[in-house]
């Protein structure tokens, strides 16, 4: 586990050097990271969603519900 964090200083240095290119893409990168974390939580940390014949139906339903929620938030504007 500790060895997997050894690449973080190199990634931080690369980010500092390329910040002019990263800042405009930051909202998209953060949205992708958030989506990946939601997927991991639903797929791996909620084992009851994986029981049965259609094990991915729960994950896809949560992703679909999240998509509808975000679309309504953007379209209705708050």
N, C-alpha and C. Protein backbone atom coordinates (compact mmCIF):
# COMPACT_ATOMS: atom_id res chain seq x y z
N UNK A 1 0.80 -1.19 0.00
CA UNK A 1 0.00 0.00 0.00
C UNK A 1 0.85 1.26 0.00
N UNK A 2 1.89 1.26 0.80
CA UNK A 2 2.74 2.45 0.87
C UNK A 2 3.51 2.66 -0.43
N UNK A 3 3.86 1.57 -1.08
CA UNK A 3 4.61 1.68 -2.33
C UNK A 3 3.76 2.30 -3.44
N UNK A 4 2.44 2.11 -3.38
CA UNK A 4 1.58 2.68 -4.41
C UNK A 4 1.57 4.21 -4.33
N UNK A 5 1.90 4.79 -3.20
CA UNK A 5 1.96 6.24 -3.06
C UNK A 5 3.29 6.84 -3.50
N UNK A 6 4.22 6.00 -3.93
CA UNK A 6 5.54 6.49 -4.31
C UNK A 6 5.50 7.33 -5.59
N UNK A 7 4.50 7.14 -6.43
CA UNK A 7 4.41 7.89 -7.68
C UNK A 7 3.76 9.27 -7.48
N UNK A 8 3.20 9.52 -6.32
CA UNK A 8 2.50 10.79 -6.09
C UNK A 8 3.41 12.01 -6.19
N UNK A 9 4.63 12.01 -5.65
CA UNK A 9 5.48 13.19 -5.85
C UNK A 9 5.79 13.47 -7.32
N UNK A 10 5.99 12.42 -8.11
CA UNK A 10 6.25 12.62 -9.54
C UNK A 10 5.01 13.20 -10.23
N UNK A 11 3.83 12.72 -9.87
CA UNK A 11 2.59 13.26 -10.43
C UNK A 11 2.37 14.70 -10.02
N UNK A 12 2.70 15.04 -8.79
CA UNK A 12 2.56 16.42 -8.32
C UNK A 12 3.51 17.34 -9.07
N UNK A 13 4.73 16.90 -9.29
CA UNK A 13 5.70 17.71 -10.03
C UNK A 13 5.24 17.91 -11.47
N UNK A 14 4.74 16.86 -12.08
CA UNK A 14 4.24 16.96 -13.45
C UNK A 14 3.05 17.91 -13.53
N UNK A 15 2.19 17.87 -12.54
CA UNK A 15 1.04 18.77 -12.50
C UNK A 15 1.48 20.22 -12.36
N UNK A 16 2.46 20.48 -11.52
CA UNK A 16 2.96 21.85 -11.35
C UNK A 16 3.57 22.36 -12.65
N UNK A 17 4.27 21.50 -13.37
CA UNK A 17 4.90 21.91 -14.62
C UNK A 17 3.88 22.15 -15.73
N UNK A 18 2.77 21.42 -15.72
CA UNK A 18 1.77 21.52 -16.79
C UNK A 18 0.48 22.19 -16.35
N UNK A 19 0.54 23.03 -15.32
CA UNK A 19 -0.69 23.59 -14.77
C UNK A 19 -1.46 24.44 -15.78
N UNK A 20 -0.79 25.06 -16.72
CA UNK A 20 -1.49 25.90 -17.71
C UNK A 20 -2.44 25.06 -18.58
N UNK A 21 -2.11 23.83 -18.80
CA UNK A 21 -2.95 22.95 -19.61
C UNK A 21 -3.99 22.23 -18.77
N UNK A 22 -3.70 22.03 -17.51
CA UNK A 22 -4.57 21.26 -16.63
C UNK A 22 -5.73 22.10 -16.10
N UNK A 23 -5.49 23.37 -15.80
CA UNK A 23 -6.52 24.21 -15.19
C UNK A 23 -7.79 24.29 -16.04
N UNK A 24 -7.72 24.50 -17.37
CA UNK A 24 -8.97 24.54 -18.15
C UNK A 24 -9.72 23.20 -18.16
N UNK A 25 -9.02 22.11 -18.04
CA UNK A 25 -9.65 20.79 -18.08
C UNK A 25 -10.04 20.29 -16.69
N UNK A 26 -9.73 21.05 -15.66
CA UNK A 26 -9.95 20.60 -14.28
C UNK A 26 -11.40 20.23 -13.97
N UNK A 27 -12.40 21.02 -14.39
CA UNK A 27 -13.78 20.62 -14.09
C UNK A 27 -14.14 19.26 -14.69
N UNK A 28 -13.66 18.99 -15.88
CA UNK A 28 -13.96 17.71 -16.52
C UNK A 28 -13.22 16.56 -15.84
N UNK A 29 -11.99 16.80 -15.44
CA UNK A 29 -11.23 15.77 -14.74
C UNK A 29 -11.84 15.46 -13.38
N UNK A 30 -12.30 16.49 -12.67
CA UNK A 30 -12.93 16.27 -11.37
C UNK A 30 -14.27 15.55 -11.52
N UNK A 31 -15.03 15.89 -12.57
CA UNK A 31 -16.30 15.20 -12.82
C UNK A 31 -16.05 13.73 -13.13
N UNK A 32 -15.03 13.44 -13.91
CA UNK A 32 -14.69 12.04 -14.21
C UNK A 32 -14.29 11.30 -12.95
N UNK A 33 -13.49 11.94 -12.10
CA UNK A 33 -13.06 11.31 -10.84
C UNK A 33 -14.25 11.04 -9.93
N UNK A 34 -15.18 11.99 -9.87
CA UNK A 34 -16.37 11.79 -9.04
C UNK A 34 -17.21 10.64 -9.57
N UNK A 35 -17.38 10.57 -10.87
CA UNK A 35 -18.13 9.46 -11.46
C UNK A 35 -17.46 8.12 -11.21
N UNK A 36 -16.15 8.09 -11.29
CA UNK A 36 -15.42 6.86 -11.02
C UNK A 36 -15.59 6.43 -9.56
N UNK A 37 -15.58 7.38 -8.64
CA UNK A 37 -15.75 7.04 -7.23
C UNK A 37 -17.17 6.54 -6.95
N UNK A 38 -18.16 7.16 -7.57
CA UNK A 38 -19.54 6.69 -7.39
C UNK A 38 -19.67 5.27 -7.92
N UNK A 39 -19.06 4.99 -9.07
CA UNK A 39 -19.12 3.65 -9.63
C UNK A 39 -18.46 2.64 -8.69
N UNK A 40 -17.31 2.97 -8.15
CA UNK A 40 -16.61 2.05 -7.24
C UNK A 40 -17.45 1.79 -6.00
N UNK A 41 -18.05 2.83 -5.45
CA UNK A 41 -18.88 2.66 -4.25
C UNK A 41 -20.04 1.73 -4.53
N UNK A 42 -20.72 1.96 -5.65
CA UNK A 42 -21.90 1.15 -5.96
C UNK A 42 -21.50 -0.28 -6.33
N UNK A 43 -20.46 -0.42 -7.11
CA UNK A 43 -20.07 -1.74 -7.63
C UNK A 43 -19.39 -2.61 -6.57
N UNK A 44 -18.53 -2.01 -5.76
CA UNK A 44 -17.71 -2.81 -4.85
C UNK A 44 -18.15 -2.75 -3.39
N UNK A 45 -18.67 -1.63 -2.94
CA UNK A 45 -18.95 -1.48 -1.52
C UNK A 45 -20.38 -1.79 -1.13
N UNK A 46 -21.23 -2.02 -2.08
CA UNK A 46 -22.61 -2.39 -1.77
C UNK A 46 -22.82 -3.81 -2.31
N UNK A 47 -22.42 -4.82 -1.55
CA UNK A 47 -22.46 -6.19 -2.07
C UNK A 47 -23.87 -6.70 -2.37
N UNK A 48 -24.88 -6.17 -1.70
CA UNK A 48 -26.24 -6.64 -1.95
C UNK A 48 -26.69 -6.31 -3.37
N UNK A 49 -26.11 -5.27 -3.96
CA UNK A 49 -26.46 -4.90 -5.33
C UNK A 49 -25.92 -5.92 -6.33
N UNK A 50 -25.00 -6.77 -5.90
CA UNK A 50 -24.37 -7.72 -6.81
C UNK A 50 -24.96 -9.12 -6.71
N UNK A 51 -25.94 -9.31 -5.84
CA UNK A 51 -26.53 -10.63 -5.67
C UNK A 51 -27.53 -10.89 -6.79
N UNK A 52 -27.63 -12.11 -7.19
CA UNK A 52 -28.62 -12.49 -8.18
C UNK A 52 -28.04 -12.61 -9.58
N UNK A 53 -28.95 -12.88 -10.52
CA UNK A 53 -28.56 -13.16 -11.90
C UNK A 53 -28.09 -11.91 -12.64
N UNK A 54 -28.75 -10.78 -12.42
CA UNK A 54 -28.41 -9.54 -13.13
C UNK A 54 -27.62 -8.63 -12.19
N UNK A 55 -26.34 -8.93 -12.04
CA UNK A 55 -25.54 -8.26 -11.02
C UNK A 55 -25.23 -6.81 -11.35
N UNK A 56 -25.27 -6.42 -12.62
CA UNK A 56 -24.93 -5.05 -12.98
C UNK A 56 -26.17 -4.15 -13.07
N UNK A 57 -27.35 -4.70 -12.92
CA UNK A 57 -28.57 -3.89 -13.03
C UNK A 57 -28.63 -2.83 -11.94
N UNK A 58 -28.22 -3.16 -10.74
CA UNK A 58 -28.23 -2.17 -9.65
C UNK A 58 -27.27 -1.03 -9.90
N UNK A 59 -26.08 -1.37 -10.39
CA UNK A 59 -25.09 -0.34 -10.69
C UNK A 59 -25.57 0.57 -11.80
N UNK A 60 -26.09 -0.01 -12.86
CA UNK A 60 -26.58 0.80 -13.98
C UNK A 60 -27.77 1.66 -13.56
N UNK A 61 -28.61 1.15 -12.68
CA UNK A 61 -29.76 1.93 -12.20
C UNK A 61 -29.30 3.13 -11.38
N UNK A 62 -28.30 2.94 -10.53
CA UNK A 62 -27.79 4.06 -9.74
C UNK A 62 -27.16 5.10 -10.67
N UNK A 63 -26.39 4.66 -11.66
CA UNK A 63 -25.79 5.60 -12.61
C UNK A 63 -26.85 6.33 -13.41
N UNK A 64 -27.89 5.63 -13.83
CA UNK A 64 -28.99 6.28 -14.56
C UNK A 64 -29.71 7.29 -13.70
N UNK A 65 -29.97 6.95 -12.44
CA UNK A 65 -30.62 7.88 -11.53
C UNK A 65 -29.77 9.11 -11.28
N UNK A 66 -28.47 8.91 -11.14
CA UNK A 66 -27.57 10.05 -10.94
C UNK A 66 -27.56 10.94 -12.17
N UNK A 67 -27.56 10.33 -13.36
CA UNK A 67 -27.59 11.11 -14.60
C UNK A 67 -28.86 11.94 -14.70
N UNK A 68 -30.01 11.35 -14.38
CA UNK A 68 -31.27 12.09 -14.40
C UNK A 68 -31.24 13.23 -13.40
N UNK A 69 -30.71 12.97 -12.21
CA UNK A 69 -30.62 14.01 -11.18
C UNK A 69 -29.75 15.17 -11.65
N UNK A 70 -28.62 14.87 -12.26
CA UNK A 70 -27.73 15.93 -12.72
C UNK A 70 -28.34 16.70 -13.89
N UNK A 71 -29.00 16.00 -14.80
CA UNK A 71 -29.67 16.69 -15.92
C UNK A 71 -30.75 17.63 -15.41
N UNK A 72 -31.55 17.18 -14.46
CA UNK A 72 -32.58 18.04 -13.92
C UNK A 72 -31.98 19.23 -13.19
N UNK A 73 -30.88 19.02 -12.50
CA UNK A 73 -30.22 20.13 -11.80
C UNK A 73 -29.73 21.17 -12.80
N UNK A 74 -29.14 20.72 -13.90
CA UNK A 74 -28.62 21.66 -14.89
C UNK A 74 -29.75 22.33 -15.66
N UNK A 75 -30.75 21.56 -16.07
CA UNK A 75 -31.84 22.11 -16.88
C UNK A 75 -32.74 23.03 -16.09
N UNK A 76 -33.02 22.71 -14.84
CA UNK A 76 -33.90 23.54 -14.04
C UNK A 76 -33.14 24.69 -13.36
N UNK A 77 -31.84 24.57 -13.27
CA UNK A 77 -31.00 25.62 -12.72
C UNK A 77 -31.36 26.02 -11.30
N UNK A 78 -30.43 25.83 -10.40
CA UNK A 78 -30.67 26.26 -9.03
C UNK A 78 -29.56 27.15 -8.56
